[in-house]
N, C-alpha and C. Protein backbone atom coordinates (compact mmCIF):
# COMPACT_ATOMS: atom_id res chain seq x y z
N MET A 1 -33.17 19.99 10.26
CA MET A 1 -31.66 19.83 10.28
C MET A 1 -31.37 19.53 8.71
N ALA A 2 -30.38 20.16 8.11
CA ALA A 2 -29.91 19.71 6.84
C ALA A 2 -28.66 18.74 7.04
N ALA A 3 -28.66 17.98 5.70
CA ALA A 3 -27.43 16.89 5.78
C ALA A 3 -26.21 17.68 5.78
N LYS A 4 -25.01 17.06 6.21
CA LYS A 4 -23.81 17.39 6.14
C LYS A 4 -22.70 16.51 5.99
N PHE A 5 -21.52 17.03 5.54
CA PHE A 5 -20.54 16.09 5.55
C PHE A 5 -19.60 16.59 6.70
N GLU A 6 -19.27 15.48 7.60
CA GLU A 6 -18.47 15.60 8.85
C GLU A 6 -16.94 15.23 8.50
N LEU A 7 -16.20 16.29 8.30
CA LEU A 7 -14.60 15.88 8.14
C LEU A 7 -13.99 15.94 9.29
N LYS A 8 -13.23 14.97 9.46
CA LYS A 8 -12.39 14.72 10.72
C LYS A 8 -11.20 14.09 10.64
N LEU A 9 -10.14 14.24 11.78
CA LEU A 9 -9.05 13.59 11.82
C LEU A 9 -9.22 12.50 12.65
N THR A 10 -8.82 11.33 12.28
CA THR A 10 -8.86 10.11 13.01
C THR A 10 -7.73 9.96 14.19
N ALA A 11 -7.93 9.06 15.12
CA ALA A 11 -6.94 8.91 16.03
C ALA A 11 -5.62 8.38 15.58
N LYS A 12 -5.43 7.77 14.29
CA LYS A 12 -4.19 7.41 13.73
C LYS A 12 -3.80 8.51 12.59
N LYS A 13 -4.31 9.82 12.83
CA LYS A 13 -4.08 11.09 12.24
C LYS A 13 -4.28 10.88 10.70
N ASN A 14 -5.28 10.14 10.36
CA ASN A 14 -5.60 10.26 8.99
C ASN A 14 -6.93 11.14 8.75
N TRP A 15 -7.38 11.66 7.56
CA TRP A 15 -8.59 12.24 7.57
C TRP A 15 -9.61 11.30 6.98
N MET A 16 -10.96 11.73 7.22
CA MET A 16 -12.11 10.86 6.49
C MET A 16 -13.32 11.80 6.74
N PHE A 17 -14.29 11.21 6.25
CA PHE A 17 -15.66 12.02 6.32
C PHE A 17 -16.77 10.97 6.46
N ASN A 18 -17.87 11.57 7.03
CA ASN A 18 -19.05 10.75 6.93
C ASN A 18 -20.11 11.71 6.35
N LEU A 19 -21.01 11.24 5.45
CA LEU A 19 -22.12 12.11 5.08
C LEU A 19 -23.31 11.67 6.13
N LYS A 20 -23.93 12.75 6.61
CA LYS A 20 -24.95 12.38 7.45
C LYS A 20 -26.40 13.10 7.12
N ALA A 21 -27.40 12.26 7.08
CA ALA A 21 -28.82 12.82 6.62
C ALA A 21 -29.10 13.91 7.70
N GLY A 22 -30.18 14.51 7.23
CA GLY A 22 -30.78 15.58 8.22
C GLY A 22 -31.21 15.09 9.53
N ASN A 23 -31.48 13.81 9.76
CA ASN A 23 -31.67 13.24 10.92
C ASN A 23 -30.55 12.83 11.77
N GLY A 24 -29.21 13.09 11.36
CA GLY A 24 -28.09 12.78 11.89
C GLY A 24 -27.48 11.54 11.69
N GLU A 25 -28.40 10.50 11.05
CA GLU A 25 -27.91 9.29 10.44
C GLU A 25 -26.74 9.31 9.59
N ILE A 26 -25.83 8.18 9.92
CA ILE A 26 -24.70 8.36 8.77
C ILE A 26 -25.04 7.66 7.63
N ILE A 27 -25.04 8.06 6.36
CA ILE A 27 -25.48 7.46 5.08
C ILE A 27 -24.37 6.97 4.32
N LEU A 28 -23.14 7.58 4.45
CA LEU A 28 -22.12 7.18 3.72
C LEU A 28 -20.59 7.53 4.56
N THR A 29 -19.84 6.51 4.41
CA THR A 29 -18.39 6.66 5.05
C THR A 29 -17.10 6.72 4.18
N SER A 30 -16.42 7.49 4.39
CA SER A 30 -15.40 7.38 3.42
C SER A 30 -14.24 6.34 3.95
N GLU A 31 -13.25 6.30 2.99
CA GLU A 31 -12.02 5.67 3.43
C GLU A 31 -11.19 6.72 4.22
N GLN A 32 -9.95 6.15 4.63
CA GLN A 32 -9.05 7.11 5.26
C GLN A 32 -8.10 7.76 4.24
N TYR A 33 -7.87 9.09 4.44
CA TYR A 33 -6.85 9.72 3.61
C TYR A 33 -5.70 10.33 4.49
N SER A 34 -4.38 10.27 3.82
CA SER A 34 -3.34 10.69 4.46
C SER A 34 -3.29 12.27 4.63
N ALA A 35 -4.05 12.93 3.80
CA ALA A 35 -4.15 14.24 4.05
C ALA A 35 -5.36 14.93 3.91
N ARG A 36 -5.71 16.09 4.50
CA ARG A 36 -6.98 16.72 4.41
C ARG A 36 -7.48 16.89 3.17
N ASP A 37 -6.50 17.40 2.31
CA ASP A 37 -6.89 17.75 0.99
C ASP A 37 -7.58 16.55 0.10
N GLY A 38 -6.94 15.16 0.47
CA GLY A 38 -7.58 14.09 -0.23
C GLY A 38 -8.97 13.84 0.34
N ALA A 39 -9.27 14.10 1.50
CA ALA A 39 -10.55 13.96 2.03
C ALA A 39 -11.51 14.91 1.43
N ALA A 40 -10.91 16.12 1.33
CA ALA A 40 -11.81 17.31 0.66
C ALA A 40 -12.20 16.95 -0.76
N ASN A 41 -11.13 16.26 -1.46
CA ASN A 41 -11.50 16.10 -2.93
C ASN A 41 -12.45 14.77 -2.92
N GLY A 42 -12.41 13.95 -1.85
CA GLY A 42 -13.30 12.76 -1.78
C GLY A 42 -14.80 13.22 -1.69
N ILE A 43 -14.90 14.37 -0.91
CA ILE A 43 -16.21 14.75 -0.53
C ILE A 43 -16.75 15.57 -2.02
N GLU A 44 -15.94 16.30 -2.84
CA GLU A 44 -16.18 16.70 -4.24
C GLU A 44 -16.49 15.63 -4.97
N SER A 45 -15.85 14.46 -5.05
CA SER A 45 -16.15 13.25 -5.72
C SER A 45 -17.43 12.63 -5.30
N VAL A 46 -17.86 12.54 -4.04
CA VAL A 46 -19.15 12.12 -3.76
C VAL A 46 -20.25 13.05 -4.43
N ARG A 47 -20.10 14.43 -4.30
CA ARG A 47 -21.13 15.43 -4.78
C ARG A 47 -21.19 15.08 -6.22
N LYS A 48 -20.25 15.00 -6.93
CA LYS A 48 -20.25 14.64 -8.41
C LYS A 48 -21.03 13.25 -8.86
N ASN A 49 -20.34 12.12 -8.28
CA ASN A 49 -20.80 10.77 -8.67
C ASN A 49 -22.12 10.41 -8.10
N SER A 50 -22.60 11.13 -6.91
CA SER A 50 -23.86 10.62 -6.30
C SER A 50 -24.95 10.96 -7.20
N ALA A 51 -24.97 11.64 -8.29
CA ALA A 51 -26.20 12.05 -9.09
C ALA A 51 -26.39 11.12 -10.03
N ASP A 52 -25.54 10.19 -10.21
CA ASP A 52 -25.73 8.83 -11.23
C ASP A 52 -25.86 7.59 -10.60
N VAL A 53 -27.16 6.95 -10.63
CA VAL A 53 -27.35 5.83 -9.97
C VAL A 53 -26.44 4.64 -10.57
N ALA A 54 -25.96 4.72 -11.51
CA ALA A 54 -25.04 3.80 -11.97
C ALA A 54 -23.72 3.73 -11.15
N SER A 55 -23.56 4.78 -10.50
CA SER A 55 -22.10 4.95 -9.51
C SER A 55 -22.34 4.03 -8.29
N PHE A 56 -23.60 3.66 -8.01
CA PHE A 56 -23.70 2.93 -6.64
C PHE A 56 -23.82 1.25 -7.10
N ASP A 57 -23.10 0.50 -6.21
CA ASP A 57 -22.94 -0.85 -6.65
C ASP A 57 -23.44 -1.39 -5.20
N ILE A 58 -24.61 -2.26 -5.32
CA ILE A 58 -25.17 -2.94 -4.01
C ILE A 58 -24.50 -4.32 -3.89
N ARG A 59 -23.84 -4.58 -2.61
CA ARG A 59 -23.03 -5.72 -2.55
C ARG A 59 -23.77 -6.55 -1.24
N THR A 60 -23.44 -7.82 -1.05
CA THR A 60 -23.92 -8.78 0.09
C THR A 60 -22.63 -9.11 0.87
N ALA A 61 -22.67 -9.05 1.95
CA ALA A 61 -21.67 -9.05 3.12
C ALA A 61 -21.59 -10.57 3.34
N LYS A 62 -20.66 -11.21 4.09
CA LYS A 62 -20.55 -12.53 4.28
C LYS A 62 -21.81 -12.93 5.25
N ASN A 63 -22.30 -12.14 6.02
CA ASN A 63 -23.40 -12.35 7.07
C ASN A 63 -24.82 -12.38 6.24
N GLY A 64 -24.94 -12.20 4.85
CA GLY A 64 -26.17 -11.82 4.21
C GLY A 64 -26.64 -10.62 4.16
N GLU A 65 -26.27 -9.58 5.10
CA GLU A 65 -26.66 -8.40 4.92
C GLU A 65 -26.08 -7.57 3.65
N GLN A 66 -27.01 -6.67 3.20
CA GLN A 66 -26.56 -5.97 2.01
C GLN A 66 -26.00 -4.50 2.44
N TYR A 67 -25.05 -3.95 1.64
CA TYR A 67 -24.73 -2.62 1.63
C TYR A 67 -24.46 -2.19 0.28
N PHE A 68 -24.06 -0.77 0.19
CA PHE A 68 -23.83 -0.34 -1.08
C PHE A 68 -22.21 0.55 -0.91
N VAL A 69 -21.63 0.57 -2.13
CA VAL A 69 -20.53 1.44 -2.26
C VAL A 69 -20.95 2.43 -3.47
N LEU A 70 -20.17 3.53 -3.16
CA LEU A 70 -20.24 4.79 -4.30
C LEU A 70 -18.83 4.68 -4.93
N GLN A 71 -18.97 4.36 -6.31
CA GLN A 71 -17.64 4.44 -6.94
C GLN A 71 -17.53 5.72 -7.91
N ALA A 72 -16.07 6.10 -8.22
CA ALA A 72 -16.02 7.21 -9.22
C ALA A 72 -16.07 6.48 -10.39
N LYS A 73 -16.07 7.28 -11.72
CA LYS A 73 -16.02 6.62 -12.98
C LYS A 73 -14.92 5.69 -13.25
N ASN A 74 -13.84 5.75 -12.34
CA ASN A 74 -12.85 4.87 -12.65
C ASN A 74 -12.90 3.57 -11.70
N LYS A 75 -14.31 3.26 -11.11
CA LYS A 75 -14.52 2.29 -10.40
C LYS A 75 -13.81 2.21 -8.87
N GLU A 76 -13.13 3.52 -8.52
CA GLU A 76 -12.57 3.37 -7.07
C GLU A 76 -13.81 3.68 -6.26
N ILE A 77 -13.78 3.16 -4.93
CA ILE A 77 -14.67 3.27 -4.13
C ILE A 77 -14.48 4.74 -3.41
N ILE A 78 -15.51 5.27 -3.27
CA ILE A 78 -15.34 6.72 -2.74
C ILE A 78 -16.19 6.66 -1.21
N GLY A 79 -16.96 5.79 -1.05
CA GLY A 79 -17.62 5.75 0.13
C GLY A 79 -18.33 4.50 0.37
N LYS A 80 -18.87 4.00 1.56
CA LYS A 80 -19.61 2.75 1.90
C LYS A 80 -20.60 2.99 2.76
N SER A 81 -21.85 2.23 2.66
CA SER A 81 -22.85 2.69 3.62
C SER A 81 -22.74 1.58 4.73
N GLU A 82 -23.74 1.69 5.61
CA GLU A 82 -23.86 0.82 6.65
C GLU A 82 -24.59 -0.51 6.26
N MET A 83 -24.59 -1.40 7.12
CA MET A 83 -25.32 -2.77 6.59
C MET A 83 -26.84 -2.44 6.89
N TYR A 84 -27.63 -3.19 5.65
CA TYR A 84 -28.95 -3.17 5.87
C TYR A 84 -29.70 -4.53 5.66
N LYS A 85 -30.69 -4.68 6.45
CA LYS A 85 -31.31 -6.03 6.29
C LYS A 85 -32.14 -6.23 5.32
N SER A 86 -32.52 -5.30 4.44
CA SER A 86 -33.63 -5.65 3.32
C SER A 86 -33.15 -4.85 2.23
N PRO A 87 -33.40 -5.34 1.00
CA PRO A 87 -33.12 -4.87 -0.27
C PRO A 87 -33.82 -3.27 -0.44
N SER A 88 -35.07 -3.26 0.21
CA SER A 88 -35.70 -1.93 -0.06
C SER A 88 -34.85 -1.01 0.93
N SER A 89 -34.40 -1.38 2.11
CA SER A 89 -33.65 -0.39 2.75
C SER A 89 -32.27 0.10 2.18
N VAL A 90 -31.77 -0.86 1.27
CA VAL A 90 -30.53 -0.48 0.59
C VAL A 90 -30.84 0.65 -0.44
N LYS A 91 -31.97 0.49 -0.98
CA LYS A 91 -32.32 1.43 -2.10
C LYS A 91 -32.87 2.98 -1.45
N ARG A 92 -33.29 2.76 -0.23
CA ARG A 92 -33.75 4.08 0.42
C ARG A 92 -32.31 4.77 0.89
N GLY A 93 -31.49 3.87 1.10
CA GLY A 93 -30.01 4.50 1.50
C GLY A 93 -29.36 5.35 0.32
N ILE A 94 -29.50 4.64 -0.67
CA ILE A 94 -28.82 5.09 -1.97
C ILE A 94 -29.70 6.39 -2.55
N ALA A 95 -30.94 6.40 -2.30
CA ALA A 95 -31.87 7.35 -2.58
C ALA A 95 -31.51 8.74 -1.71
N SER A 96 -31.37 8.36 -0.43
CA SER A 96 -30.80 9.28 0.54
C SER A 96 -29.40 10.09 0.09
N VAL A 97 -28.40 9.33 -0.21
CA VAL A 97 -27.19 9.88 -0.53
C VAL A 97 -27.28 10.82 -1.90
N MET A 98 -28.27 10.27 -2.90
CA MET A 98 -28.52 10.93 -4.01
C MET A 98 -29.09 12.28 -3.61
N ARG A 99 -29.98 12.26 -2.78
CA ARG A 99 -30.69 13.52 -2.55
C ARG A 99 -29.97 14.54 -1.59
N ASN A 100 -29.25 14.04 -0.76
CA ASN A 100 -28.58 14.82 0.20
C ASN A 100 -27.01 15.24 -0.16
N ALA A 101 -26.12 14.46 -0.86
CA ALA A 101 -24.78 14.81 -0.94
C ALA A 101 -24.59 16.15 -1.84
N PRO A 102 -25.25 16.38 -2.79
CA PRO A 102 -25.20 17.53 -3.72
C PRO A 102 -25.07 18.72 -2.92
N THR A 103 -25.91 19.03 -1.94
CA THR A 103 -26.01 20.23 -1.25
C THR A 103 -25.74 20.21 0.26
N ALA A 104 -25.20 19.06 0.69
CA ALA A 104 -24.74 18.80 2.13
C ALA A 104 -23.66 19.91 2.28
N ARG A 105 -23.77 20.60 3.45
CA ARG A 105 -22.48 21.44 3.85
C ARG A 105 -21.26 20.54 4.50
N VAL A 106 -20.26 21.26 4.54
CA VAL A 106 -18.96 20.53 5.26
C VAL A 106 -18.72 21.25 6.24
N VAL A 107 -18.73 20.25 7.37
CA VAL A 107 -18.42 20.79 8.84
C VAL A 107 -17.06 19.88 9.20
N GLU A 108 -16.12 20.76 9.59
CA GLU A 108 -14.82 20.16 10.00
C GLU A 108 -15.05 19.91 11.49
N ILE A 109 -14.67 18.73 12.13
CA ILE A 109 -14.71 18.48 13.60
C ILE A 109 -13.48 18.37 13.98
N THR A 110 -13.24 19.26 14.95
CA THR A 110 -12.09 19.17 15.53
C THR A 110 -12.03 18.77 16.99
N ALA A 111 -10.85 18.16 17.28
CA ALA A 111 -10.82 17.48 18.73
C ALA A 111 -10.83 18.50 19.78
């Protein structure tokens, strides 16, 4: 199974997307956008910026777990990962986004 971006409308009528790896695991989640076009542009920004490891910022949550964000060149956050228990898992998550995002297909999820 190949990686994909799932583009969907939320219960609050905002648009967002998840990048899922080939195994179905969510590896990156977007912010919410007021318009579908904004979310589609966000997907293109993920494709573009995920090629540069410097676009990823590893952070630590209050509970001590780590996660990463993917940032555009202007430092705006494009997407956020899940929480990870180890630094090696965070690095594998980043590598998965870098590997999968450029060629992932877009699937629009309808209610």
